[in-house]
Amino acid sequence: MKNRIAAALAASLFVAGIGIGYAAQKVAPQVFHGKSKEDAARALLDVARVQAGDGSWERIAIGRVLYLGGHKQEGQAVFDAMLAGKHEDSDEFRIARVYREAGEWAKAKPLFDRFVANNPKDEKGLAEVGAFYLLNGDRDAAEKLFDRSFAISAEIWATVGAAGAYLGVVPEE
């Protein structure tokens, strides 16, 4: 009897999971139509959370919208949760980009520096961090990172990112 109940429960949870997963693939107009911008954004972010699952880049994207969209504490909570657990260097890099985009170089810099230290062969990452240094007034540190990047490879995105920084253009993300 217990086995049958457990099997029925497992089957219903499986079917419910499929339904939730399928529903997350479609966003119904009533989720955001006719709502205030704030309510529409909240409702869409709720859907995005389901769509994100355990994806770190996806969760960082949600945190970015919150952080830059006027809900800084909620966005920061997303980032703090990410950084407190097991994460990739690329997660720190993406969070650092958000801080930089928010004009918070002091928060971005240590994350970028850690990424550079842990990824000494990432020519595009080195050039991008160098560009951010240049855009924040540290040409010496920027050019050292450009030198390291170009010593690895002459990768177009690294070269374009460095060139753009000299003209005040933020690298493409």
N, C-alpha and C. Protein backbone atom coordinates (compact mmCIF):
# COMPACT_ATOMS: atom_id res chain seq x y z
N MET A 1 0.82 -1.19 0.00
CA MET A 1 0.00 0.00 0.00
C MET A 1 0.87 1.26 0.00
N LYS A 2 1.90 1.25 0.86
CA LYS A 2 2.79 2.41 0.93
C LYS A 2 3.51 2.61 -0.40
N ASN A 3 3.90 1.50 -1.05
CA ASN A 3 4.58 1.60 -2.35
C ASN A 3 3.67 2.23 -3.39
N ARG A 4 2.39 1.87 -3.37
CA ARG A 4 1.45 2.42 -4.33
C ARG A 4 1.24 3.91 -4.11
N ILE A 5 1.16 4.33 -2.86
CA ILE A 5 1.00 5.76 -2.55
C ILE A 5 2.25 6.51 -2.97
N ALA A 6 3.40 5.95 -2.68
CA ALA A 6 4.66 6.59 -3.08
C ALA A 6 4.77 6.70 -4.59
N ALA A 7 4.36 5.64 -5.30
CA ALA A 7 4.40 5.66 -6.77
C ALA A 7 3.43 6.69 -7.32
N ALA A 8 2.24 6.76 -6.75
CA ALA A 8 1.26 7.75 -7.20
C ALA A 8 1.74 9.17 -6.94
N LEU A 9 2.34 9.38 -5.78
CA LEU A 9 2.88 10.69 -5.44
C LEU A 9 4.01 11.06 -6.39
N ALA A 10 4.90 10.13 -6.66
CA ALA A 10 6.02 10.39 -7.57
C ALA A 10 5.51 10.71 -8.96
N ALA A 11 4.51 9.97 -9.43
CA ALA A 11 3.94 10.21 -10.77
C ALA A 11 3.29 11.59 -10.84
N SER A 12 2.55 11.97 -9.79
CA SER A 12 1.89 13.28 -9.82
C SER A 12 2.91 14.41 -9.77
N LEU A 13 3.97 14.24 -9.00
CA LEU A 13 5.02 15.26 -8.96
C LEU A 13 5.73 15.36 -10.30
N PHE A 14 5.94 14.23 -10.96
CA PHE A 14 6.57 14.22 -12.28
C PHE A 14 5.70 14.97 -13.29
N VAL A 15 4.41 14.66 -13.30
CA VAL A 15 3.49 15.33 -14.23
C VAL A 15 3.41 16.82 -13.90
N ALA A 16 3.35 17.17 -12.63
CA ALA A 16 3.32 18.59 -12.25
C ALA A 16 4.60 19.29 -12.70
N GLY A 17 5.72 18.62 -12.57
CA GLY A 17 7.00 19.18 -13.01
C GLY A 17 7.02 19.43 -14.50
N ILE A 18 6.48 18.50 -15.27
CA ILE A 18 6.39 18.68 -16.72
C ILE A 18 5.50 19.88 -17.02
N GLY A 19 4.39 19.99 -16.33
CA GLY A 19 3.48 21.12 -16.55
C GLY A 19 4.13 22.45 -16.23
N ILE A 20 4.85 22.51 -15.13
CA ILE A 20 5.54 23.73 -14.75
C ILE A 20 6.63 24.05 -15.78
N GLY A 21 7.37 23.04 -16.18
CA GLY A 21 8.42 23.24 -17.18
C GLY A 21 7.85 23.71 -18.50
N TYR A 22 6.74 23.13 -18.92
CA TYR A 22 6.11 23.54 -20.18
C TYR A 22 5.56 24.95 -20.05
N ALA A 23 4.94 25.26 -18.93
CA ALA A 23 4.37 26.59 -18.72
C ALA A 23 5.47 27.65 -18.72
N ALA A 24 6.63 27.29 -18.22
CA ALA A 24 7.73 28.25 -18.17
C ALA A 24 8.26 28.58 -19.55
N GLN A 25 8.00 27.71 -20.53
CA GLN A 25 8.46 27.97 -21.89
C GLN A 25 7.60 29.00 -22.59
N LYS A 26 6.39 29.20 -22.13
CA LYS A 26 5.46 30.15 -22.75
C LYS A 26 5.14 31.24 -21.73
N VAL A 27 5.11 32.48 -22.22
CA VAL A 27 4.76 33.59 -21.36
C VAL A 27 3.45 34.17 -21.88
N ALA A 28 2.41 33.96 -21.11
CA ALA A 28 1.08 34.41 -21.51
C ALA A 28 0.99 35.94 -21.43
N PRO A 29 0.28 36.56 -22.35
CA PRO A 29 0.14 38.01 -22.35
C PRO A 29 -0.39 38.58 -21.03
N GLN A 30 -1.26 37.85 -20.35
CA GLN A 30 -1.83 38.37 -19.10
C GLN A 30 -0.78 38.51 -18.00
N VAL A 31 0.39 37.92 -18.21
CA VAL A 31 1.46 38.06 -17.23
C VAL A 31 1.92 39.52 -17.16
N PHE A 32 1.90 40.23 -18.28
CA PHE A 32 2.44 41.58 -18.31
C PHE A 32 1.53 42.64 -18.94
N HIS A 33 0.58 42.24 -19.78
CA HIS A 33 -0.32 43.21 -20.42
C HIS A 33 -1.17 43.93 -19.39
N GLY A 34 -1.29 45.25 -19.57
CA GLY A 34 -2.19 46.03 -18.74
C GLY A 34 -1.74 46.25 -17.32
N LYS A 35 -0.55 45.83 -16.99
CA LYS A 35 -0.03 46.02 -15.63
C LYS A 35 0.90 47.22 -15.61
N SER A 36 1.13 47.76 -14.44
CA SER A 36 2.12 48.83 -14.33
C SER A 36 3.48 48.26 -14.73
N LYS A 37 4.40 49.12 -15.08
CA LYS A 37 5.73 48.65 -15.47
C LYS A 37 6.36 47.81 -14.35
N GLU A 38 6.20 48.27 -13.14
CA GLU A 38 6.75 47.55 -11.98
C GLU A 38 6.12 46.16 -11.85
N ASP A 39 4.80 46.09 -11.93
CA ASP A 39 4.11 44.81 -11.79
C ASP A 39 4.41 43.88 -12.96
N ALA A 40 4.51 44.44 -14.17
CA ALA A 40 4.85 43.62 -15.34
C ALA A 40 6.26 43.06 -15.19
N ALA A 41 7.17 43.90 -14.76
CA ALA A 41 8.56 43.44 -14.57
C ALA A 41 8.61 42.34 -13.51
N ARG A 42 7.95 42.54 -12.41
CA ARG A 42 7.94 41.54 -11.32
C ARG A 42 7.37 40.21 -11.82
N ALA A 43 6.27 40.28 -12.54
CA ALA A 43 5.64 39.06 -13.04
C ALA A 43 6.56 38.35 -14.03
N LEU A 44 7.20 39.10 -14.91
CA LEU A 44 8.13 38.50 -15.87
C LEU A 44 9.36 37.92 -15.18
N LEU A 45 9.83 38.60 -14.15
CA LEU A 45 10.97 38.07 -13.40
C LEU A 45 10.59 36.78 -12.66
N ASP A 46 9.37 36.68 -12.21
CA ASP A 46 8.91 35.43 -11.59
C ASP A 46 8.97 34.29 -12.60
N VAL A 47 8.53 34.56 -13.83
CA VAL A 47 8.61 33.55 -14.88
C VAL A 47 10.08 33.22 -15.17
N ALA A 48 10.89 34.26 -15.25
CA ALA A 48 12.32 34.06 -15.55
C ALA A 48 13.00 33.20 -14.49
N ARG A 49 12.59 33.35 -13.24
CA ARG A 49 13.18 32.53 -12.17
C ARG A 49 12.91 31.04 -12.41
N VAL A 50 11.71 30.73 -12.86
CA VAL A 50 11.38 29.34 -13.18
C VAL A 50 12.19 28.89 -14.39
N GLN A 51 12.27 29.75 -15.41
CA GLN A 51 13.03 29.42 -16.61
C GLN A 51 14.51 29.23 -16.30
N ALA A 52 15.03 29.99 -15.36
CA ALA A 52 16.46 29.95 -15.03
C ALA A 52 16.87 28.64 -14.38
N GLY A 53 15.97 28.06 -13.60
CA GLY A 53 16.34 26.84 -12.88
C GLY A 53 17.60 27.07 -12.07
N ASP A 54 18.58 26.20 -12.26
CA ASP A 54 19.84 26.32 -11.53
C ASP A 54 20.91 27.05 -12.34
N GLY A 55 20.55 27.58 -13.49
CA GLY A 55 21.54 28.24 -14.35
C GLY A 55 22.13 29.48 -13.72
N SER A 56 23.44 29.50 -13.59
CA SER A 56 24.08 30.64 -12.93
C SER A 56 24.02 31.91 -13.78
N TRP A 57 24.31 31.80 -15.06
CA TRP A 57 24.27 32.99 -15.91
C TRP A 57 22.87 33.57 -15.94
N GLU A 58 21.88 32.67 -15.97
CA GLU A 58 20.49 33.10 -16.00
C GLU A 58 20.10 33.82 -14.71
N ARG A 59 20.54 33.29 -13.58
CA ARG A 59 20.24 33.93 -12.30
C ARG A 59 20.95 35.27 -12.19
N ILE A 60 22.17 35.35 -12.72
CA ILE A 60 22.90 36.63 -12.73
C ILE A 60 22.14 37.64 -13.59
N ALA A 61 21.58 37.20 -14.70
CA ALA A 61 20.80 38.10 -15.56
C ALA A 61 19.60 38.66 -14.80
N ILE A 62 18.95 37.83 -14.00
CA ILE A 62 17.82 38.28 -13.19
C ILE A 62 18.32 39.28 -12.15
N GLY A 63 19.43 38.95 -11.49
CA GLY A 63 20.02 39.87 -10.51
C GLY A 63 20.39 41.21 -11.15
N ARG A 64 20.88 41.15 -12.38
CA ARG A 64 21.25 42.38 -13.11
C ARG A 64 20.04 43.28 -13.31
N VAL A 65 18.94 42.70 -13.76
CA VAL A 65 17.73 43.49 -13.98
C VAL A 65 17.28 44.12 -12.66
N LEU A 66 17.29 43.35 -11.60
CA LEU A 66 16.90 43.90 -10.30
C LEU A 66 17.86 45.00 -9.86
N TYR A 67 19.16 44.73 -9.93
CA TYR A 67 20.19 45.66 -9.44
C TYR A 67 20.13 46.98 -10.20
N LEU A 68 20.09 46.89 -11.52
CA LEU A 68 20.10 48.10 -12.35
C LEU A 68 18.71 48.73 -12.48
N GLY A 69 17.68 47.95 -12.17
CA GLY A 69 16.30 48.42 -12.32
C GLY A 69 15.72 49.06 -11.08
N GLY A 70 16.56 49.38 -10.12
CA GLY A 70 16.08 50.08 -8.94
C GLY A 70 15.79 49.20 -7.74
N HIS A 71 16.10 47.92 -7.85
CA HIS A 71 15.90 46.99 -6.73
C HIS A 71 17.25 46.40 -6.34
N LYS A 72 18.14 47.31 -5.99
CA LYS A 72 19.54 46.98 -5.74
C LYS A 72 19.72 45.90 -4.67
N GLN A 73 18.98 46.01 -3.58
CA GLN A 73 19.14 45.03 -2.50
C GLN A 73 18.75 43.63 -2.95
N GLU A 74 17.67 43.53 -3.72
CA GLU A 74 17.25 42.22 -4.22
C GLU A 74 18.28 41.66 -5.21
N GLY A 75 18.79 42.52 -6.07
CA GLY A 75 19.82 42.09 -7.01
C GLY A 75 21.07 41.65 -6.27
N GLN A 76 21.46 42.42 -5.26
CA GLN A 76 22.63 42.08 -4.47
C GLN A 76 22.44 40.75 -3.77
N ALA A 77 21.24 40.48 -3.31
CA ALA A 77 20.96 39.19 -2.65
C ALA A 77 21.17 38.03 -3.63
N VAL A 78 20.77 38.22 -4.87
CA VAL A 78 21.00 37.19 -5.89
C VAL A 78 22.50 36.97 -6.05
N PHE A 79 23.26 38.06 -6.17
CA PHE A 79 24.72 37.95 -6.35
C PHE A 79 25.38 37.32 -5.13
N ASP A 80 24.97 37.74 -3.95
CA ASP A 80 25.56 37.20 -2.72
C ASP A 80 25.32 35.69 -2.62
N ALA A 81 24.12 35.27 -2.97
CA ALA A 81 23.81 33.83 -2.93
C ALA A 81 24.68 33.08 -3.92
N MET A 82 24.89 33.66 -5.08
CA MET A 82 25.73 33.01 -6.10
C MET A 82 27.16 32.88 -5.60
N LEU A 83 27.70 33.98 -5.08
CA LEU A 83 29.10 34.00 -4.68
C LEU A 83 29.35 33.20 -3.41
N ALA A 84 28.33 32.99 -2.59
CA ALA A 84 28.49 32.22 -1.35
C ALA A 84 28.60 30.73 -1.63
N GLY A 85 28.02 30.30 -2.74
CA GLY A 85 28.06 28.88 -3.08
C GLY A 85 29.16 28.57 -4.08
N LYS A 86 29.17 27.33 -4.53
CA LYS A 86 30.12 26.93 -5.56
C LYS A 86 29.77 27.65 -6.85
N HIS A 87 30.76 28.32 -7.44
CA HIS A 87 30.51 29.08 -8.66
C HIS A 87 31.77 29.09 -9.53
N GLU A 88 31.57 29.48 -10.75
CA GLU A 88 32.65 29.57 -11.73
C GLU A 88 33.25 30.97 -11.71
N ASP A 89 34.47 31.08 -12.21
CA ASP A 89 35.09 32.40 -12.36
C ASP A 89 34.25 33.29 -13.27
N SER A 90 33.63 32.69 -14.28
CA SER A 90 32.81 33.47 -15.21
C SER A 90 31.60 34.09 -14.51
N ASP A 91 31.13 33.48 -13.43
CA ASP A 91 30.02 34.06 -12.66
C ASP A 91 30.48 35.36 -12.00
N GLU A 92 31.66 35.34 -11.42
CA GLU A 92 32.20 36.55 -10.80
C GLU A 92 32.40 37.64 -11.85
N PHE A 93 32.89 37.23 -13.02
CA PHE A 93 33.12 38.17 -14.11
C PHE A 93 31.81 38.85 -14.50
N ARG A 94 30.75 38.09 -14.64
CA ARG A 94 29.45 38.65 -15.03
C ARG A 94 28.88 39.58 -13.95
N ILE A 95 29.05 39.21 -12.71
CA ILE A 95 28.60 40.08 -11.62
C ILE A 95 29.42 41.36 -11.59
N ALA A 96 30.71 41.25 -11.82
CA ALA A 96 31.57 42.43 -11.88
C ALA A 96 31.12 43.37 -13.00
N ARG A 97 30.70 42.81 -14.12
CA ARG A 97 30.18 43.64 -15.22
C ARG A 97 28.96 44.44 -14.77
N VAL A 98 28.11 43.83 -13.98
CA VAL A 98 26.92 44.54 -13.50
C VAL A 98 27.34 45.71 -12.62
N TYR A 99 28.26 45.46 -11.70
CA TYR A 99 28.73 46.55 -10.84
C TYR A 99 29.35 47.67 -11.68
N ARG A 100 30.13 47.30 -12.68
CA ARG A 100 30.74 48.30 -13.55
C ARG A 100 29.67 49.08 -14.29
N GLU A 101 28.67 48.38 -14.79
CA GLU A 101 27.57 49.02 -15.51
C GLU A 101 26.82 49.98 -14.59
N ALA A 102 26.75 49.66 -13.32
CA ALA A 102 26.08 50.52 -12.34
C ALA A 102 26.96 51.69 -11.91
N GLY A 103 28.19 51.74 -12.44
CA GLY A 103 29.11 52.81 -12.07
C GLY A 103 29.80 52.57 -10.74
N GLU A 104 29.89 51.31 -10.34
CA GLU A 104 30.49 50.96 -9.05
C GLU A 104 31.81 50.21 -9.26
N TRP A 105 32.78 50.93 -9.78
CA TRP A 105 34.09 50.35 -10.08
C TRP A 105 34.73 49.73 -8.84
N ALA A 106 34.57 50.36 -7.70
CA ALA A 106 35.18 49.84 -6.47
C ALA A 106 34.66 48.44 -6.12
N LYS A 107 33.42 48.13 -6.48
CA LYS A 107 32.88 46.79 -6.24
C LYS A 107 33.27 45.83 -7.36
N ALA A 108 33.38 46.36 -8.58
CA ALA A 108 33.70 45.52 -9.73
C ALA A 108 35.16 45.10 -9.75
N LYS A 109 36.05 46.01 -9.42
CA LYS A 109 37.49 45.80 -9.57
C LYS A 109 38.00 44.53 -8.87
N PRO A 110 37.66 44.29 -7.60
CA PRO A 110 38.19 43.07 -6.97
C PRO A 110 37.73 41.78 -7.65
N LEU A 111 36.52 41.78 -8.17
CA LEU A 111 36.03 40.59 -8.87
C LEU A 111 36.76 40.43 -10.20
N PHE A 112 36.97 41.52 -10.91
CA PHE A 112 37.74 41.46 -12.15
C PHE A 112 39.17 41.01 -11.88
N ASP A 113 39.77 41.55 -10.82
CA ASP A 113 41.15 41.18 -10.49
C ASP A 113 41.26 39.70 -10.16
N ARG A 114 40.30 39.17 -9.45
CA ARG A 114 40.32 37.74 -9.13
C ARG A 114 40.16 36.91 -10.40
N PHE A 115 39.30 37.36 -11.31
CA PHE A 115 39.13 36.66 -12.58
C PHE A 115 40.45 36.64 -13.35
N VAL A 116 41.12 37.77 -13.43
CA VAL A 116 42.40 37.87 -14.15
C VAL A 116 43.42 36.93 -13.52
N ALA A 117 43.49 36.92 -12.20
CA ALA A 117 44.44 36.05 -11.50
C ALA A 117 44.16 34.57 -11.77
N ASN A 118 42.88 34.21 -11.84
CA ASN A 118 42.50 32.81 -12.04
C ASN A 118 42.44 32.38 -13.50
N ASN A 119 42.50 33.33 -14.42
CA ASN A 119 42.36 33.03 -15.85
C ASN A 119 43.42 33.77 -16.67
N PRO A 120 44.69 33.48 -16.41
CA PRO A 120 45.77 34.24 -17.06
C PRO A 120 45.89 34.01 -18.56
N LYS A 121 45.18 33.05 -19.10
CA LYS A 121 45.28 32.76 -20.54
C LYS A 121 44.02 33.17 -21.31
N ASP A 122 43.10 33.85 -20.66
CA ASP A 122 41.86 34.28 -21.30
C ASP A 122 42.09 35.64 -21.96
N GLU A 123 42.53 35.61 -23.22
CA GLU A 123 42.91 36.86 -23.89
C GLU A 123 41.76 37.86 -24.00
N LYS A 124 40.57 37.39 -24.26
CA LYS A 124 39.43 38.32 -24.36
C LYS A 124 39.11 38.90 -22.99
N GLY A 125 39.10 38.07 -21.96
CA GLY A 125 38.83 38.55 -20.60
C GLY A 125 39.88 39.54 -20.14
N LEU A 126 41.15 39.26 -20.42
CA LEU A 126 42.22 40.18 -20.03
C LEU A 126 42.03 41.53 -20.71
N ALA A 127 41.73 41.51 -22.01
CA ALA A 127 41.53 42.76 -22.73
C ALA A 127 40.30 43.51 -22.23
N GLU A 128 39.23 42.79 -21.93
CA GLU A 128 38.03 43.46 -21.45
C GLU A 128 38.27 44.10 -20.10
N VAL A 129 38.93 43.39 -19.20
CA VAL A 129 39.24 43.98 -17.90
C VAL A 129 40.19 45.17 -18.09
N GLY A 130 41.15 45.02 -19.01
CA GLY A 130 42.02 46.15 -19.32
C GLY A 130 41.23 47.35 -19.80
N ALA A 131 40.24 47.11 -20.64
CA ALA A 131 39.39 48.21 -21.13
C ALA A 131 38.68 48.89 -19.97
N PHE A 132 38.20 48.11 -19.02
CA PHE A 132 37.52 48.71 -17.88
C PHE A 132 38.49 49.54 -17.04
N TYR A 133 39.71 49.04 -16.89
CA TYR A 133 40.73 49.83 -16.19
C TYR A 133 40.94 51.16 -16.90
N LEU A 134 41.10 51.12 -18.23
CA LEU A 134 41.33 52.33 -19.00
C LEU A 134 40.15 53.29 -18.87
N LEU A 135 38.95 52.76 -18.98
CA LEU A 135 37.75 53.59 -18.87
C LEU A 135 37.61 54.20 -17.48
N ASN A 136 38.28 53.61 -16.50
CA ASN A 136 38.25 54.13 -15.13
C ASN A 136 39.52 54.89 -14.78
N GLY A 137 40.31 55.26 -15.81
CA GLY A 137 41.44 56.16 -15.61
C GLY A 137 42.78 55.54 -15.28
N ASP A 138 42.90 54.22 -15.32
CA ASP A 138 44.18 53.58 -15.00
C ASP A 138 44.79 53.01 -16.28
N ARG A 139 45.41 53.88 -17.06
CA ARG A 139 45.96 53.48 -18.35
C ARG A 139 47.12 52.50 -18.19
N ASP A 140 47.94 52.70 -17.18
CA ASP A 140 49.08 51.81 -16.97
C ASP A 140 48.64 50.37 -16.75
N ALA A 141 47.70 50.18 -15.83
CA ALA A 141 47.20 48.82 -15.57
C ALA A 141 46.50 48.27 -16.80
N ALA A 142 45.77 49.11 -17.51
CA ALA A 142 45.07 48.68 -18.73
C ALA A 142 46.05 48.17 -19.76
N GLU A 143 47.08 48.93 -20.02
CA GLU A 143 48.03 48.54 -21.06
C GLU A 143 48.82 47.29 -20.68
N LYS A 144 49.05 47.07 -19.40
CA LYS A 144 49.69 45.82 -18.97
C LYS A 144 48.77 44.63 -19.28
N LEU A 145 47.48 44.80 -19.05
CA LEU A 145 46.54 43.73 -19.37
C LEU A 145 46.42 43.54 -20.88
N PHE A 146 46.43 44.63 -21.64
CA PHE A 146 46.41 44.50 -23.10
C PHE A 146 47.65 43.74 -23.58
N ASP A 147 48.83 44.08 -23.02
CA ASP A 147 50.07 43.38 -23.39
C ASP A 147 49.93 41.89 -23.14
N ARG A 148 49.40 41.52 -21.98
CA ARG A 148 49.23 40.10 -21.66
C ARG A 148 48.27 39.43 -22.63
N SER A 149 47.17 40.12 -22.93
CA SER A 149 46.18 39.58 -23.85
C SER A 149 46.78 39.35 -25.23
N PHE A 150 47.44 40.36 -25.77
CA PHE A 150 47.97 40.27 -27.13
C PHE A 150 49.16 39.31 -27.22
N ALA A 151 49.82 39.04 -26.11
CA ALA A 151 50.90 38.06 -26.11
C ALA A 151 50.36 36.64 -26.26
N ILE A 152 49.12 36.43 -25.87
CA ILE A 152 48.49 35.12 -25.98
C ILE A 152 48.00 34.89 -27.40
N SER A 153 47.29 35.89 -27.92
CA SER A 153 46.68 35.75 -29.24
C SER A 153 46.18 37.12 -29.69
N ALA A 154 46.11 37.31 -30.98
CA ALA A 154 45.53 38.53 -31.53
C ALA A 154 44.08 38.24 -31.89
N GLU A 155 43.26 38.07 -30.89
CA GLU A 155 41.85 37.74 -31.04
C GLU A 155 41.08 39.03 -31.29
N ILE A 156 40.23 39.06 -32.33
CA ILE A 156 39.56 40.30 -32.74
C ILE A 156 38.78 40.98 -31.63
N TRP A 157 38.05 40.22 -30.83
CA TRP A 157 37.21 40.85 -29.80
C TRP A 157 38.06 41.50 -28.73
N ALA A 158 39.22 40.93 -28.45
CA ALA A 158 40.14 41.56 -27.51
C ALA A 158 40.69 42.86 -28.10
N THR A 159 41.06 42.81 -29.38
CA THR A 159 41.62 43.99 -30.03
C THR A 159 40.58 45.11 -30.13
N VAL A 160 39.37 44.77 -30.54
CA VAL A 160 38.30 45.77 -30.66
C VAL A 160 37.95 46.35 -29.29
N GLY A 161 37.90 45.50 -28.27
CA GLY A 161 37.60 45.98 -26.92
C GLY A 161 38.64 46.96 -26.42
N ALA A 162 39.91 46.66 -26.68
CA ALA A 162 40.99 47.57 -26.27
C ALA A 162 40.90 48.88 -27.05
N ALA A 163 40.71 48.79 -28.35
CA ALA A 163 40.62 49.99 -29.17
C ALA A 163 39.46 50.88 -28.72
N GLY A 164 38.33 50.27 -28.48
CA GLY A 164 37.16 51.03 -28.05
C GLY A 164 37.39 51.78 -26.75
N ALA A 165 38.11 51.15 -25.82
CA ALA A 165 38.35 51.79 -24.53
C ALA A 165 39.12 53.10 -24.69
N TYR A 166 40.04 53.14 -25.65
CA TYR A 166 40.78 54.39 -25.88
C TYR A 166 39.85 55.50 -26.38
N LEU A 167 38.72 55.11 -26.94
CA LEU A 167 37.74 56.08 -27.45
C LEU A 167 36.55 56.26 -26.52
N GLY A 168 36.64 55.62 -25.33
CA GLY A 168 35.56 55.75 -24.35
C GLY A 168 34.39 54.82 -24.59
N VAL A 169 34.61 53.78 -25.42
CA VAL A 169 33.55 52.83 -25.75
C VAL A 169 33.71 51.58 -24.89
N VAL A 170 32.65 51.20 -24.21
CA VAL A 170 32.64 50.01 -23.37
C VAL A 170 32.66 48.77 -24.26
N PRO A 171 33.46 47.74 -23.91
CA PRO A 171 33.48 46.51 -24.70
C PRO A 171 32.10 45.86 -24.79
N GLU A 172 31.86 45.21 -25.92
CA GLU A 172 30.61 44.45 -26.07
C GLU A 172 30.62 43.30 -25.09
N GLU A 173 29.45 43.01 -24.55
CA GLU A 173 29.35 41.90 -23.61
C GLU A 173 28.67 40.73 -24.26
